[in-house]
Full PDB file with SEQRES, HELIX, SHEET, SSBOND, CRYST1, ORIGX, SCALE, CONECT and MASTER records, all heavy atoms in Angstrom:
SEQRES   1 A   31  SER LEU GLN ALA GLY THR VAL LYS ASP THR ASP LEU THR          
SEQRES   2 A   31  GLU ALA ALA ARG TRP ASN ALA ALA THR PRO SER GLU LEU          
SEQRES   3 A   31  LEU ALA ARG ALA SER                                          
HELIX    1 AA1 ASP A    9  ASP A   11  5                                   3    
HELIX    2 AA2 GLU A   14  ARG A   17  1                                   4    
HELIX    3 AA3 PRO A   23  ARG A   29  5                                   7    
CRYST1    1.000    1.000    1.000  90.00  90.00  90.00 P 1           1          
ORIGX1      1.000000  0.000000  0.000000        0.00000                         
ORIGX2      0.000000  1.000000  0.000000        0.00000                         
ORIGX3      0.000000  0.000000  1.000000        0.00000                         
SCALE1      1.000000  0.000000  0.000000        0.00000                         
SCALE2      0.000000  1.000000  0.000000        0.00000                         
SCALE3      0.000000  0.000000  1.000000        0.00000                         
ATOM      1  N   SER A   1      -9.961   3.803   7.316  1.00  0.00           N  
ATOM      2  CA  SER A   1     -10.947   3.949   6.240  1.00  0.00           C  
ATOM      3  C   SER A   1     -11.543   2.607   5.853  1.00  0.00           C  
ATOM      4  O   SER A   1     -12.743   2.503   5.577  1.00  0.00           O  
ATOM      5  CB  SER A   1     -10.293   4.613   5.022  1.00  0.00           C  
ATOM      6  OG  SER A   1      -9.833   5.909   5.352  1.00  0.00           O  
ATOM      7  N   LEU A   2     -10.698   1.570   5.811  1.00  0.00           N  
ATOM      8  CA  LEU A   2     -11.217   0.235   5.482  1.00  0.00           C  
ATOM      9  C   LEU A   2     -12.160  -0.254   6.576  1.00  0.00           C  
ATOM     10  O   LEU A   2     -13.211  -0.844   6.295  1.00  0.00           O  
ATOM     11  CB  LEU A   2     -10.056  -0.744   5.315  1.00  0.00           C  
ATOM     12  CG  LEU A   2      -9.210  -0.590   4.052  1.00  0.00           C  
ATOM     13  CD1 LEU A   2      -7.983  -1.489   4.113  1.00  0.00           C  
ATOM     14  CD2 LEU A   2     -10.030  -0.899   2.794  1.00  0.00           C  
ATOM     15  N   GLN A   3     -11.801   0.003   7.824  1.00  0.00           N  
ATOM     16  CA  GLN A   3     -12.641  -0.422   8.940  1.00  0.00           C  
ATOM     17  C   GLN A   3     -13.972   0.305   8.934  1.00  0.00           C  
ATOM     18  O   GLN A   3     -15.028  -0.285   9.211  1.00  0.00           O  
ATOM     19  CB  GLN A   3     -11.916  -0.178  10.269  1.00  0.00           C  
ATOM     20  CG  GLN A   3     -12.684  -0.687  11.486  1.00  0.00           C  
ATOM     21  CD  GLN A   3     -11.879  -0.529  12.766  1.00  0.00           C  
ATOM     22  OE1 GLN A   3     -10.806   0.049  12.764  1.00  0.00           O  
ATOM     23  NE2 GLN A   3     -12.400  -1.062  13.869  1.00  0.00           N  
ATOM     24  N   ALA A   4     -13.946   1.579   8.568  1.00  0.00           N  
ATOM     25  CA  ALA A   4     -15.179   2.371   8.540  1.00  0.00           C  
ATOM     26  C   ALA A   4     -15.978   2.135   7.261  1.00  0.00           C  
ATOM     27  O   ALA A   4     -17.134   2.567   7.157  1.00  0.00           O  
ATOM     28  CB  ALA A   4     -14.840   3.853   8.672  1.00  0.00           C  
ATOM     29  N   GLY A   5     -15.361   1.466   6.308  1.00  0.00           N  
ATOM     30  CA  GLY A   5     -16.051   1.202   5.050  1.00  0.00           C  
ATOM     31  C   GLY A   5     -16.103   2.386   4.117  1.00  0.00           C  
ATOM     32  O   GLY A   5     -16.842   2.372   3.124  1.00  0.00           O  
ATOM     33  N   THR A   6     -15.302   3.424   4.379  1.00  0.00           N  
ATOM     34  CA  THR A   6     -15.302   4.613   3.508  1.00  0.00           C  
ATOM     35  C   THR A   6     -14.365   4.442   2.318  1.00  0.00           C  
ATOM     36  O   THR A   6     -14.412   5.220   1.365  1.00  0.00           O  
ATOM     37  CB  THR A   6     -14.895   5.870   4.304  1.00  0.00           C  
ATOM     38  OG1 THR A   6     -13.631   5.642   4.935  1.00  0.00           O  
ATOM     39  CG2 THR A   6     -15.936   6.196   5.352  1.00  0.00           C  
ATOM     40  N   VAL A   7     -13.491   3.440   2.369  1.00  0.00           N  
ATOM     41  CA  VAL A   7     -12.604   3.116   1.262  1.00  0.00           C  
ATOM     42  C   VAL A   7     -12.688   1.617   1.025  1.00  0.00           C  
ATOM     43  O   VAL A   7     -12.691   0.821   1.978  1.00  0.00           O  
ATOM     44  CB  VAL A   7     -11.138   3.517   1.570  1.00  0.00           C  
ATOM     45  CG1 VAL A   7     -10.192   2.958   0.511  1.00  0.00           C  
ATOM     46  CG2 VAL A   7     -11.001   5.030   1.632  1.00  0.00           C  
ATOM     47  N   LYS A   8     -12.777   1.233  -0.235  1.00  0.00           N  
ATOM     48  CA  LYS A   8     -12.822  -0.182  -0.592  1.00  0.00           C  
ATOM     49  C   LYS A   8     -11.473  -0.605  -1.158  1.00  0.00           C  
ATOM     50  O   LYS A   8     -10.772   0.181  -1.789  1.00  0.00           O  
ATOM     51  CB  LYS A   8     -13.914  -0.420  -1.635  1.00  0.00           C  
ATOM     52  CG  LYS A   8     -15.313  -0.079  -1.149  1.00  0.00           C  
ATOM     53  CD  LYS A   8     -16.326  -0.294  -2.259  1.00  0.00           C  
ATOM     54  CE  LYS A   8     -17.736   0.081  -1.793  1.00  0.00           C  
ATOM     55  NZ  LYS A   8     -18.734  -0.082  -2.883  1.00  0.00           N  
ATOM     56  N   ASP A   9     -11.137  -1.850  -0.954  1.00  0.00           N  
ATOM     57  CA  ASP A   9      -9.862  -2.361  -1.456  1.00  0.00           C  
ATOM     58  C   ASP A   9      -9.777  -2.221  -2.974  1.00  0.00           C  
ATOM     59  O   ASP A   9      -8.689  -2.045  -3.530  1.00  0.00           O  
ATOM     60  CB  ASP A   9      -9.696  -3.827  -1.056  1.00  0.00           C  
ATOM     61  CG  ASP A   9      -8.315  -4.353  -1.395  1.00  0.00           C  
ATOM     62  OD1 ASP A   9      -7.335  -3.879  -0.786  1.00  0.00           O  
ATOM     63  OD2 ASP A   9      -8.211  -5.224  -2.279  1.00  0.00           O  
ATOM     64  N   THR A  10     -10.919  -2.290  -3.638  1.00  0.00           N  
ATOM     65  CA  THR A  10     -10.924  -2.156  -5.098  1.00  0.00           C  
ATOM     66  C   THR A  10     -10.578  -0.734  -5.556  1.00  0.00           C  
ATOM     67  O   THR A  10     -10.312  -0.525  -6.737  1.00  0.00           O  
ATOM     68  CB  THR A  10     -12.303  -2.548  -5.659  1.00  0.00           C  
ATOM     69  OG1 THR A  10     -13.319  -1.792  -4.975  1.00  0.00           O  
ATOM     70  CG2 THR A  10     -12.568  -4.035  -5.460  1.00  0.00           C  
ATOM     71  N   ASP A  11     -10.617   0.231  -4.640  1.00  0.00           N  
ATOM     72  CA  ASP A  11     -10.258   1.614  -4.986  1.00  0.00           C  
ATOM     73  C   ASP A  11      -8.746   1.819  -5.016  1.00  0.00           C  
ATOM     74  O   ASP A  11      -8.279   2.894  -5.431  1.00  0.00           O  
ATOM     75  CB  ASP A  11     -10.829   2.597  -3.950  1.00  0.00           C  
ATOM     76  CG  ASP A  11     -12.347   2.601  -3.925  1.00  0.00           C  
ATOM     77  OD1 ASP A  11     -12.941   2.378  -5.003  1.00  0.00           O  
ATOM     78  OD2 ASP A  11     -12.926   2.835  -2.846  1.00  0.00           O  
ATOM     79  N   LEU A  12      -7.988   0.818  -4.600  1.00  0.00           N  
ATOM     80  CA  LEU A  12      -6.564   1.020  -4.345  1.00  0.00           C  
ATOM     81  C   LEU A  12      -5.684   0.624  -5.524  1.00  0.00           C  
ATOM     82  O   LEU A  12      -5.944  -0.366  -6.216  1.00  0.00           O  
ATOM     83  CB  LEU A  12      -6.151   0.212  -3.114  1.00  0.00           C  
ATOM     84  CG  LEU A  12      -6.922   0.511  -1.826  1.00  0.00           C  
ATOM     85  CD1 LEU A  12      -6.409  -0.364  -0.686  1.00  0.00           C  
ATOM     86  CD2 LEU A  12      -6.823   1.989  -1.473  1.00  0.00           C  
ATOM     87  N   THR A  13      -4.655   1.407  -5.739  1.00  0.00           N  
ATOM     88  CA  THR A  13      -3.631   1.105  -6.740  1.00  0.00           C  
ATOM     89  C   THR A  13      -2.504   0.326  -6.074  1.00  0.00           C  
ATOM     90  O   THR A  13      -2.488   0.119  -4.863  1.00  0.00           O  
ATOM     91  CB  THR A  13      -3.056   2.414  -7.302  1.00  0.00           C  
ATOM     92  OG1 THR A  13      -2.447   3.140  -6.212  1.00  0.00           O  
ATOM     93  CG2 THR A  13      -4.137   3.267  -7.937  1.00  0.00           C  
ATOM     94  N   GLU A  14      -1.526  -0.101  -6.882  1.00  0.00           N  
ATOM     95  CA  GLU A  14      -0.360  -0.787  -6.326  1.00  0.00           C  
ATOM     96  C   GLU A  14       0.383   0.127  -5.352  1.00  0.00           C  
ATOM     97  O   GLU A  14       0.846  -0.323  -4.298  1.00  0.00           O  
ATOM     98  CB  GLU A  14       0.576  -1.239  -7.455  1.00  0.00           C  
ATOM     99  CG  GLU A  14       0.071  -2.445  -8.230  1.00  0.00           C  
ATOM    100  CD  GLU A  14      -0.091  -3.667  -7.342  1.00  0.00           C  
ATOM    101  OE1 GLU A  14       0.844  -3.972  -6.575  1.00  0.00           O  
ATOM    102  OE2 GLU A  14      -1.156  -4.309  -7.392  1.00  0.00           O  
ATOM    103  N   ALA A  15       0.508   1.404  -5.688  1.00  0.00           N  
ATOM    104  CA  ALA A  15       1.201   2.338  -4.796  1.00  0.00           C  
ATOM    105  C   ALA A  15       0.434   2.509  -3.488  1.00  0.00           C  
ATOM    106  O   ALA A  15       1.027   2.653  -2.421  1.00  0.00           O  
ATOM    107  CB  ALA A  15       1.382   3.699  -5.485  1.00  0.00           C  
ATOM    108  N   ALA A  16      -0.902   2.474  -3.570  1.00  0.00           N  
ATOM    109  CA  ALA A  16      -1.716   2.634  -2.359  1.00  0.00           C  
ATOM    110  C   ALA A  16      -1.614   1.406  -1.458  1.00  0.00           C  
ATOM    111  O   ALA A  16      -1.714   1.517  -0.239  1.00  0.00           O  
ATOM    112  CB  ALA A  16      -3.172   2.886  -2.736  1.00  0.00           C  
ATOM    113  N   ARG A  17      -1.406   0.225  -2.052  1.00  0.00           N  
ATOM    114  CA  ARG A  17      -1.293  -1.003  -1.264  1.00  0.00           C  
ATOM    115  C   ARG A  17       0.110  -1.213  -0.697  1.00  0.00           C  
ATOM    116  O   ARG A  17       0.302  -1.981   0.236  1.00  0.00           O  
ATOM    117  CB  ARG A  17      -1.656  -2.216  -2.122  1.00  0.00           C  
ATOM    118  CG  ARG A  17      -3.113  -2.298  -2.530  1.00  0.00           C  
ATOM    119  CD  ARG A  17      -3.411  -3.639  -3.195  1.00  0.00           C  
ATOM    120  NE  ARG A  17      -4.801  -3.739  -3.579  1.00  0.00           N  
ATOM    121  CZ  ARG A  17      -5.261  -3.417  -4.792  1.00  0.00           C  
ATOM    122  NH1 ARG A  17      -4.417  -2.989  -5.717  1.00  0.00           N  
ATOM    123  NH2 ARG A  17      -6.543  -3.529  -5.067  1.00  0.00           N  
ATOM    124  N   TRP A  18       1.077  -0.544  -1.296  1.00  0.00           N  
ATOM    125  CA  TRP A  18       2.476  -0.799  -0.936  1.00  0.00           C  
ATOM    126  C   TRP A  18       2.762  -0.451   0.516  1.00  0.00           C  
ATOM    127  O   TRP A  18       2.369   0.599   1.008  1.00  0.00           O  
ATOM    128  CB  TRP A  18       3.382   0.013  -1.866  1.00  0.00           C  
ATOM    129  CG  TRP A  18       4.858  -0.133  -1.572  1.00  0.00           C  
ATOM    130  CD1 TRP A  18       5.534  -1.299  -1.350  1.00  0.00           C  
ATOM    131  CD2 TRP A  18       5.820   0.920  -1.486  1.00  0.00           C  
ATOM    132  NE1 TRP A  18       6.871  -1.040  -1.134  1.00  0.00           N  
ATOM    133  CE2 TRP A  18       7.079   0.316  -1.215  1.00  0.00           C  
ATOM    134  CE3 TRP A  18       5.754   2.299  -1.621  1.00  0.00           C  
ATOM    135  CZ2 TRP A  18       8.255   1.059  -1.079  1.00  0.00           C  
ATOM    136  CZ3 TRP A  18       6.917   3.048  -1.494  1.00  0.00           C  
ATOM    137  CH2 TRP A  18       8.159   2.430  -1.218  1.00  0.00           C  
ATOM    138  N   ASN A  19       3.495  -1.343   1.158  1.00  0.00           N  
ATOM    139  CA  ASN A  19       3.945  -1.072   2.519  1.00  0.00           C  
ATOM    140  C   ASN A  19       5.354  -1.633   2.667  1.00  0.00           C  
ATOM    141  O   ASN A  19       5.667  -2.711   2.140  1.00  0.00           O  
ATOM    142  CB  ASN A  19       3.018  -1.711   3.551  1.00  0.00           C  
ATOM    143  CG  ASN A  19       3.351  -1.278   4.974  1.00  0.00           C  
ATOM    144  OD1 ASN A  19       3.927  -0.202   5.166  1.00  0.00           O  
ATOM    145  ND2 ASN A  19       3.005  -2.095   5.938  1.00  0.00           N  
ATOM    146  N   ALA A  20       6.212  -0.898   3.345  1.00  0.00           N  
ATOM    147  CA  ALA A  20       7.581  -1.348   3.610  1.00  0.00           C  
ATOM    148  C   ALA A  20       7.931  -0.914   5.016  1.00  0.00           C  
ATOM    149  O   ALA A  20       7.953   0.267   5.326  1.00  0.00           O  
ATOM    150  CB  ALA A  20       8.548  -0.742   2.601  1.00  0.00           C  
ATOM    151  N   ALA A  21       8.208  -1.862   5.855  1.00  0.00           N  
ATOM    152  CA  ALA A  21       8.418  -1.550   7.265  1.00  0.00           C  
ATOM    153  C   ALA A  21       9.835  -1.100   7.570  1.00  0.00           C  
ATOM    154  O   ALA A  21      10.081  -0.416   8.561  1.00  0.00           O  
ATOM    155  CB  ALA A  21       8.081  -2.771   8.119  1.00  0.00           C  
ATOM    156  N   THR A  22      10.786  -1.469   6.707  1.00  0.00           N  
ATOM    157  CA  THR A  22      12.183  -1.140   6.979  1.00  0.00           C  
ATOM    158  C   THR A  22      12.838  -0.550   5.734  1.00  0.00           C  
ATOM    159  O   THR A  22      12.389  -0.799   4.601  1.00  0.00           O  
ATOM    160  CB  THR A  22      12.971  -2.393   7.390  1.00  0.00           C  
ATOM    161  OG1 THR A  22      13.004  -3.299   6.278  1.00  0.00           O  
ATOM    162  CG2 THR A  22      12.329  -3.071   8.595  1.00  0.00           C  
ATOM    163  N   PRO A  23      13.926   0.209   5.908  1.00  0.00           N  
ATOM    164  CA  PRO A  23      14.626   0.783   4.743  1.00  0.00           C  
ATOM    165  C   PRO A  23      15.070  -0.276   3.740  1.00  0.00           C  
ATOM    166  O   PRO A  23      15.059  -0.027   2.526  1.00  0.00           O  
ATOM    167  CB  PRO A  23      15.824   1.490   5.386  1.00  0.00           C  
ATOM    168  CG  PRO A  23      15.378   1.834   6.771  1.00  0.00           C  
ATOM    169  CD  PRO A  23      14.496   0.691   7.179  1.00  0.00           C  
ATOM    170  N   SER A  24      15.468  -1.464   4.222  1.00  0.00           N  
ATOM    171  CA  SER A  24      15.969  -2.503   3.315  1.00  0.00           C  
ATOM    172  C   SER A  24      14.893  -3.018   2.370  1.00  0.00           C  
ATOM    173  O   SER A  24      15.199  -3.605   1.323  1.00  0.00           O  
ATOM    174  CB  SER A  24      16.566  -3.669   4.115  1.00  0.00           C  
ATOM    175  OG  SER A  24      15.577  -4.259   4.935  1.00  0.00           O  
ATOM    176  N   GLU A  25      13.626  -2.849   2.740  1.00  0.00           N  
ATOM    177  CA  GLU A  25      12.523  -3.322   1.901  1.00  0.00           C  
ATOM    178  C   GLU A  25      12.142  -2.330   0.803  1.00  0.00           C  
ATOM    179  O   GLU A  25      11.376  -2.674  -0.097  1.00  0.00           O  
ATOM    180  CB  GLU A  25      11.295  -3.603   2.769  1.00  0.00           C  
ATOM    181  CG  GLU A  25      11.497  -4.734   3.766  1.00  0.00           C  
ATOM    182  CD  GLU A  25      10.328  -4.881   4.727  1.00  0.00           C  
ATOM    183  OE1 GLU A  25       9.415  -4.033   4.701  1.00  0.00           O  
ATOM    184  OE2 GLU A  25      10.336  -5.849   5.495  1.00  0.00           O  
ATOM    185  N   LEU A  26      12.658  -1.128   0.888  1.00  0.00           N  
ATOM    186  CA  LEU A  26      12.213  -0.093  -0.040  1.00  0.00           C  
ATOM    187  C   LEU A  26      12.638  -0.360  -1.474  1.00  0.00           C  
ATOM    188  O   LEU A  26      11.838  -0.246  -2.409  1.00  0.00           O  
ATOM    189  CB  LEU A  26      12.746   1.278   0.398  1.00  0.00           C  
ATOM    190  CG  LEU A  26      12.256   1.820   1.740  1.00  0.00           C  
ATOM    191  CD1 LEU A  26      12.914   3.162   2.038  1.00  0.00           C  
ATOM    192  CD2 LEU A  26      10.737   1.970   1.735  1.00  0.00           C  
ATOM    193  N   LEU A  27      13.904  -0.703  -1.665  1.00  0.00           N  
ATOM    194  CA  LEU A  27      14.450  -0.790  -3.018  1.00  0.00           C  
ATOM    195  C   LEU A  27      13.811  -1.901  -3.845  1.00  0.00           C  
ATOM    196  O   LEU A  27      13.924  -1.897  -5.074  1.00  0.00           O  
ATOM    197  CB  LEU A  27      15.965  -0.968  -2.965  1.00  0.00           C  
ATOM    198  CG  LEU A  27      16.734   0.222  -2.361  1.00  0.00           C  
ATOM    199  CD1 LEU A  27      18.226  -0.049  -2.345  1.00  0.00           C  
ATOM    200  CD2 LEU A  27      16.444   1.505  -3.144  1.00  0.00           C  
ATOM    201  N   ALA A  28      13.131  -2.837  -3.190  1.00  0.00           N  
ATOM    202  CA  ALA A  28      12.449  -3.899  -3.936  1.00  0.00           C  
ATOM    203  C   ALA A  28      11.349  -3.343  -4.832  1.00  0.00           C  
ATOM    204  O   ALA A  28      10.916  -4.001  -5.782  1.00  0.00           O  
ATOM    205  CB  ALA A  28      11.866  -4.927  -2.963  1.00  0.00           C  
ATOM    206  N   ARG A  29      10.886  -2.121  -4.533  1.00  0.00           N  
ATOM    207  CA  ARG A  29       9.810  -1.511  -5.307  1.00  0.00           C  
ATOM    208  C   ARG A  29      10.349  -0.505  -6.343  1.00  0.00           C  
ATOM    209  O   ARG A  29       9.588   0.188  -7.000  1.00  0.00           O  
ATOM    210  CB  ARG A  29       8.854  -0.810  -4.333  1.00  0.00           C  
ATOM    211  CG  ARG A  29       7.556  -0.284  -4.918  1.00  0.00           C  
ATOM    212  CD  ARG A  29       6.737  -1.359  -5.606  1.00  0.00           C  
ATOM    213  NE  ARG A  29       6.224  -2.374  -4.717  1.00  0.00           N  
ATOM    214  CZ  ARG A  29       4.943  -2.573  -4.459  1.00  0.00           C  
ATOM    215  NH1 ARG A  29       4.027  -1.806  -5.043  1.00  0.00           N  
ATOM    216  NH2 ARG A  29       4.557  -3.543  -3.657  1.00  0.00           N  
ATOM    217  N   ALA A  30      11.667  -0.457  -6.527  1.00  0.00           N  
ATOM    218  CA  ALA A  30      12.281   0.586  -7.349  1.00  0.00           C  
ATOM    219  C   ALA A  30      11.783   0.588  -8.792  1.00  0.00           C  
ATOM    220  O   ALA A  30      11.525   1.643  -9.373  1.00  0.00           O  
ATOM    221  CB  ALA A  30      13.804   0.447  -7.326  1.00  0.00           C  
ATOM    222  N   SER A  31      11.634  -0.598  -9.395  1.00  0.00           N  
ATOM    223  CA  SER A  31      11.243  -0.626 -10.809  1.00  0.00           C  
ATOM    224  C   SER A  31       9.839  -0.080 -11.022  1.00  0.00           C  
ATOM    225  O   SER A  31       9.570   0.617 -12.003  1.00  0.00           O  
ATOM    226  CB  SER A  31      11.344  -2.050 -11.363  1.00  0.00           C  
ATOM    227  OG  SER A  31      10.487  -2.924 -10.641  1.00  0.00           O  
TER     228      SER A  31                                                      
MASTER        0    0    0    3    0    0    0    6  227    1    0    3          
END                                                                             
């Protein structure tokens, strides 16, 4: 969507930006 320009970065929330590649990275977002 970003490449096609149908979604802008300004449309995104913290949850939409969040990425975690491994299980160990998940709990850092718990709060």
